[in-house]
Amino acid sequence: MTSCNAQSKKAEVNQKHRVVFQMNSNDPQSQKVLINNIENIKETWGANVTIEVVAYGPGIEFVMTEKSAVAEGIAIMIKNGVIFVACENTMAKKNITKEELIENVGTVPSGIVEVIIKQEQGWSYIKGGI
């Protein structure tokens, strides 16, 4: 009984996971919760997980150098392989330039479309925030 559970847990940890987070809130507490969630996932699965965070709408502030409540945390996570992207549609509507984004944050044409594509590819979806 125990060895079967141990084998199952070992297989689960060694499996490659893919998780996409949607961030569409500019609430500082939501930003902190999302960072904590990512830290917990990375702590559990380490290199066996790929994480992408898609920021759009009011959530674009999450990845902006001057507006993010967790800019330092995002910079550290990027160095640890977490992917952060901003919606170009939102950027255009709000007149935000790439220079206003935290260093190494990428962009996608449409944030919501990016989330849909990831889900269609089998990624686990989590709505960021509280």
C-alpha atoms as a PDB file:
ATOM      1  CA  MET A   1       0.000   0.000   0.000  1.00  0.00           C
ATOM      2  CA  THR A   2       2.670   2.511   0.941  1.00  0.00           C
ATOM      3  CA  SER A   3       5.006   1.620  -1.929  1.00  0.00           C
ATOM      4  CA  CYS A   4       2.192   2.074  -4.443  1.00  0.00           C
ATOM      5  CA  ASN A   5       1.401   5.518  -3.017  1.00  0.00           C
ATOM      6  CA  ALA A   6       5.108   6.389  -2.952  1.00  0.00           C
ATOM      7  CA  GLN A   7       5.492   5.325  -6.597  1.00  0.00           C
ATOM      8  CA  SER A   8       2.427   7.326  -7.562  1.00  0.00           C
ATOM      9  CA  LYS A   9       3.739  10.433  -5.804  1.00  0.00           C
ATOM     10  CA  LYS A  10       7.174   9.995  -7.385  1.00  0.00           C
ATOM     11  CA  ALA A  11       5.623   9.709 -10.861  1.00  0.00           C
ATOM     12  CA  GLU A  12       3.518  12.793 -10.158  1.00  0.00           C
ATOM     13  CA  VAL A  13       6.574  14.831  -9.145  1.00  0.00           C
ATOM     14  CA  ASN A  14       8.580  13.662 -12.186  1.00  0.00           C
ATOM     15  CA  GLN A  15       5.778  14.443 -14.647  1.00  0.00           C
ATOM     16  CA  LYS A  16       6.160  17.616 -16.703  1.00  0.00           C
ATOM     17  CA  HIS A  17       3.400  20.063 -15.827  1.00  0.00           C
ATOM     18  CA  ARG A  18       2.270  23.175 -17.721  1.00  0.00           C
ATOM     19  CA  VAL A  19       0.323  25.899 -15.950  1.00  0.00           C
ATOM     20  CA  VAL A  20      -1.036  29.163 -17.340  1.00  0.00           C
ATOM     21  CA  PHE A  21      -2.156  31.892 -14.954  1.00  0.00           C
ATOM     22  CA  GLN A  22      -4.516  34.662 -15.997  1.00  0.00           C
ATOM     23  CA  MET A  23      -3.957  38.011 -14.250  1.00  0.00           C
ATOM     24  CA  ASN A  24      -6.594  40.605 -15.015  1.00  0.00           C
ATOM     25  CA  SER A  25      -6.671  42.410 -11.670  1.00  0.00           C
ATOM     26  CA  ASN A  26      -4.562  45.358 -10.540  1.00  0.00           C
ATOM     27  CA  ASP A  27      -5.266  44.599  -6.867  1.00  0.00           C
ATOM     28  CA  PRO A  28      -1.925  44.461  -4.957  1.00  0.00           C
ATOM     29  CA  GLN A  29      -3.175  41.643  -2.704  1.00  0.00           C
ATOM     30  CA  SER A  30      -4.131  39.589  -5.764  1.00  0.00           C
ATOM     31  CA  GLN A  31      -0.650  40.149  -7.179  1.00  0.00           C
ATOM     32  CA  LYS A  32       0.941  38.885  -3.959  1.00  0.00           C
ATOM     33  CA  VAL A  33      -1.331  35.840  -3.839  1.00  0.00           C
ATOM     34  CA  LEU A  34      -0.411  34.932  -7.426  1.00  0.00           C
ATOM     35  CA  ILE A  35       3.309  35.196  -6.639  1.00  0.00           C
ATOM     36  CA  ASN A  36       2.817  32.959  -3.578  1.00  0.00           C
ATOM     37  CA  ASN A  37       0.928  30.408  -5.685  1.00  0.00           C
ATOM     38  CA  ILE A  38       3.750  30.303  -8.228  1.00  0.00           C
ATOM     39  CA  GLU A  39       6.367  29.944  -5.478  1.00  0.00           C
ATOM     40  CA  ASN A  40       4.440  26.992  -4.025  1.00  0.00           C
ATOM     41  CA  ILE A  41       4.147  25.293  -7.400  1.00  0.00           C
ATOM     42  CA  LYS A  42       7.853  25.797  -8.182  1.00  0.00           C
ATOM     43  CA  GLU A  43       8.789  24.520  -4.715  1.00  0.00           C
ATOM     44  CA  THR A  44       6.776  21.339  -5.286  1.00  0.00           C
ATOM     45  CA  TRP A  45       7.585  20.595  -8.927  1.00  0.00           C
ATOM     46  CA  GLY A  46      10.835  22.507  -9.511  1.00  0.00           C
ATOM     47  CA  ALA A  47      12.074  21.968 -13.059  1.00  0.00           C
ATOM     48  CA  ASN A  48       9.098  19.694 -13.817  1.00  0.00           C
ATOM     49  CA  VAL A  49       6.771  22.627 -14.387  1.00  0.00           C
ATOM     50  CA  THR A  50       6.464  25.324 -17.020  1.00  0.00           C
ATOM     51  CA  ILE A  51       4.546  28.384 -15.865  1.00  0.00           C
ATOM     52  CA  GLU A  52       3.280  31.271 -17.962  1.00  0.00           C
ATOM     53  CA  VAL A  53       1.488  34.294 -16.515  1.00  0.00           C
ATOM     54  CA  VAL A  54      -0.672  36.299 -18.920  1.00  0.00           C
ATOM     55  CA  ALA A  55      -1.450  39.870 -17.822  1.00  0.00           C
ATOM     56  CA  TYR A  56      -4.171  41.881 -19.527  1.00  0.00           C
ATOM     57  CA  GLY A  57      -6.876  44.440 -18.816  1.00  0.00           C
ATOM     58  CA  PRO A  58      -6.349  46.029 -15.383  1.00  0.00           C
ATOM     59  CA  GLY A  59      -3.901  43.178 -14.675  1.00  0.00           C
ATOM     60  CA  ILE A  60      -1.366  44.773 -17.017  1.00  0.00           C
ATOM     61  CA  GLU A  61      -0.139  46.764 -13.998  1.00  0.00           C
ATOM     62  CA  PHE A  62       1.094  43.474 -12.547  1.00  0.00           C
ATOM     63  CA  VAL A  63       3.971  43.469 -15.068  1.00  0.00           C
ATOM     64  CA  MET A  64       4.677  47.215 -15.168  1.00  0.00           C
ATOM     65  CA  THR A  65       7.857  48.391 -13.455  1.00  0.00           C
ATOM     66  CA  GLU A  66       6.298  51.442 -11.809  1.00  0.00           C
ATOM     67  CA  LYS A  67       2.875  49.972 -10.945  1.00  0.00           C
ATOM     68  CA  SER A  68       3.476  46.362  -9.904  1.00  0.00           C
ATOM     69  CA  ALA A  69       3.264  45.553  -6.193  1.00  0.00           C
ATOM     70  CA  VAL A  70       5.578  42.578  -6.796  1.00  0.00           C
ATOM     71  CA  ALA A  71       8.074  43.754  -9.448  1.00  0.00           C
ATOM     72  CA  GLU A  72      11.066  42.325  -7.579  1.00  0.00           C
ATOM     73  CA  GLY A  73       9.338  38.962  -7.171  1.00  0.00           C
ATOM     74  CA  ILE A  74       8.521  38.856 -10.870  1.00  0.00           C
ATOM     75  CA  ALA A  75      12.143  39.647 -11.797  1.00  0.00           C
ATOM     76  CA  ILE A  76      13.344  36.772  -9.592  1.00  0.00           C
ATOM     77  CA  MET A  77      10.779  34.386 -11.042  1.00  0.00           C
ATOM     78  CA  ILE A  78      11.774  35.301 -14.593  1.00  0.00           C
ATOM     79  CA  LYS A  79      15.364  34.381 -13.690  1.00  0.00           C
ATOM     80  CA  ASN A  80      13.972  31.054 -12.435  1.00  0.00           C
ATOM     81  CA  GLY A  81      12.245  30.308 -15.735  1.00  0.00           C
ATOM     82  CA  VAL A  82       8.695  31.589 -15.172  1.00  0.00           C
ATOM     83  CA  ILE A  83       7.307  33.274 -18.289  1.00  0.00           C
ATOM     84  CA  PHE A  84       5.413  36.554 -17.947  1.00  0.00           C
ATOM     85  CA  VAL A  85       3.634  38.121 -20.910  1.00  0.00           C
ATOM     86  CA  ALA A  86       1.597  41.279 -21.386  1.00  0.00           C
ATOM     87  CA  CYS A  87      -1.319  41.750 -23.767  1.00  0.00           C
ATOM     88  CA  GLU A  88      -0.481  44.020 -26.705  1.00  0.00           C
ATOM     89  CA  ASN A  89      -4.185  44.915 -27.109  1.00  0.00           C
ATOM     90  CA  THR A  90      -4.277  46.244 -23.540  1.00  0.00           C
ATOM     91  CA  MET A  91      -0.951  48.007 -24.009  1.00  0.00           C
ATOM     92  CA  ALA A  92      -2.259  49.771 -27.125  1.00  0.00           C
ATOM     93  CA  LYS A  93      -5.520  50.818 -25.447  1.00  0.00           C
ATOM     94  CA  LYS A  94      -3.685  52.175 -22.409  1.00  0.00           C
ATOM     95  CA  ASN A  95      -0.723  53.651 -24.357  1.00  0.00           C
ATOM     96  CA  ILE A  96       1.779  51.449 -22.515  1.00  0.00           C
ATOM     97  CA  THR A  97       5.183  50.905 -24.109  1.00  0.00           C
ATOM     98  CA  LYS A  98       7.373  47.822 -23.797  1.00  0.00           C
ATOM     99  CA  GLU A  99       9.864  49.994 -21.916  1.00  0.00           C
ATOM    100  CA  GLU A 100       7.288  50.358 -19.114  1.00  0.00           C
ATOM    101  CA  LEU A 101       7.213  46.600 -18.567  1.00  0.00           C
ATOM    102  CA  ILE A 102       9.432  44.786 -16.087  1.00  0.00           C
ATOM    103  CA  GLU A 103      12.618  43.641 -17.812  1.00  0.00           C
ATOM    104  CA  ASN A 104      12.221  40.379 -19.771  1.00  0.00           C
ATOM    105  CA  VAL A 105       8.419  40.425 -19.726  1.00  0.00           C
ATOM    106  CA  GLY A 106       7.268  39.338 -23.167  1.00  0.00           C
ATOM    107  CA  THR A 107       4.172  40.317 -25.087  1.00  0.00           C
ATOM    108  CA  VAL A 108       1.387  38.478 -26.899  1.00  0.00           C
ATOM    109  CA  PRO A 109      -1.100  39.968 -29.369  1.00  0.00           C
ATOM    110  CA  SER A 110      -4.130  39.122 -27.189  1.00  0.00           C
ATOM    111  CA  GLY A 111      -4.003  38.053 -23.548  1.00  0.00           C
ATOM    112  CA  ILE A 112      -7.319  36.212 -23.511  1.00  0.00           C
ATOM    113  CA  VAL A 113      -6.482  34.429 -26.774  1.00  0.00           C
ATOM    114  CA  GLU A 114      -3.142  33.343 -25.279  1.00  0.00           C
ATOM    115  CA  VAL A 115      -4.969  31.799 -22.312  1.00  0.00           C
ATOM    116  CA  ILE A 116      -7.386  29.994 -24.657  1.00  0.00           C
ATOM    117  CA  ILE A 117      -4.538  28.656 -26.803  1.00  0.00           C
ATOM    118  CA  LYS A 118      -2.730  27.317 -23.740  1.00  0.00           C
ATOM    119  CA  GLN A 119      -5.905  25.607 -22.514  1.00  0.00           C
ATOM    120  CA  GLU A 120      -6.451  24.052 -25.949  1.00  0.00           C
ATOM    121  CA  GLN A 121      -2.874  22.735 -25.769  1.00  0.00           C
ATOM    122  CA  GLY A 122      -3.668  21.014 -22.472  1.00  0.00           C
ATOM    123  CA  TRP A 123      -2.166  23.507 -20.017  1.00  0.00           C
ATOM    124  CA  SER A 124      -3.757  23.731 -16.564  1.00  0.00           C
ATOM    125  CA  TYR A 125      -5.529  27.080 -16.145  1.00  0.00           C
ATOM    126  CA  ILE A 126      -5.609  29.151 -12.976  1.00  0.00           C
ATOM    127  CA  LYS A 127      -7.208  32.560 -12.581  1.00  0.00           C
ATOM    128  CA  GLY A 128      -4.800  34.723 -10.628  1.00  0.00           C
ATOM    129  CA  GLY A 129      -5.871  36.855  -7.732  1.00  0.00           C
ATOM    130  CA  ILE A 130      -8.446  36.609  -5.033  1.00  0.00           C
END
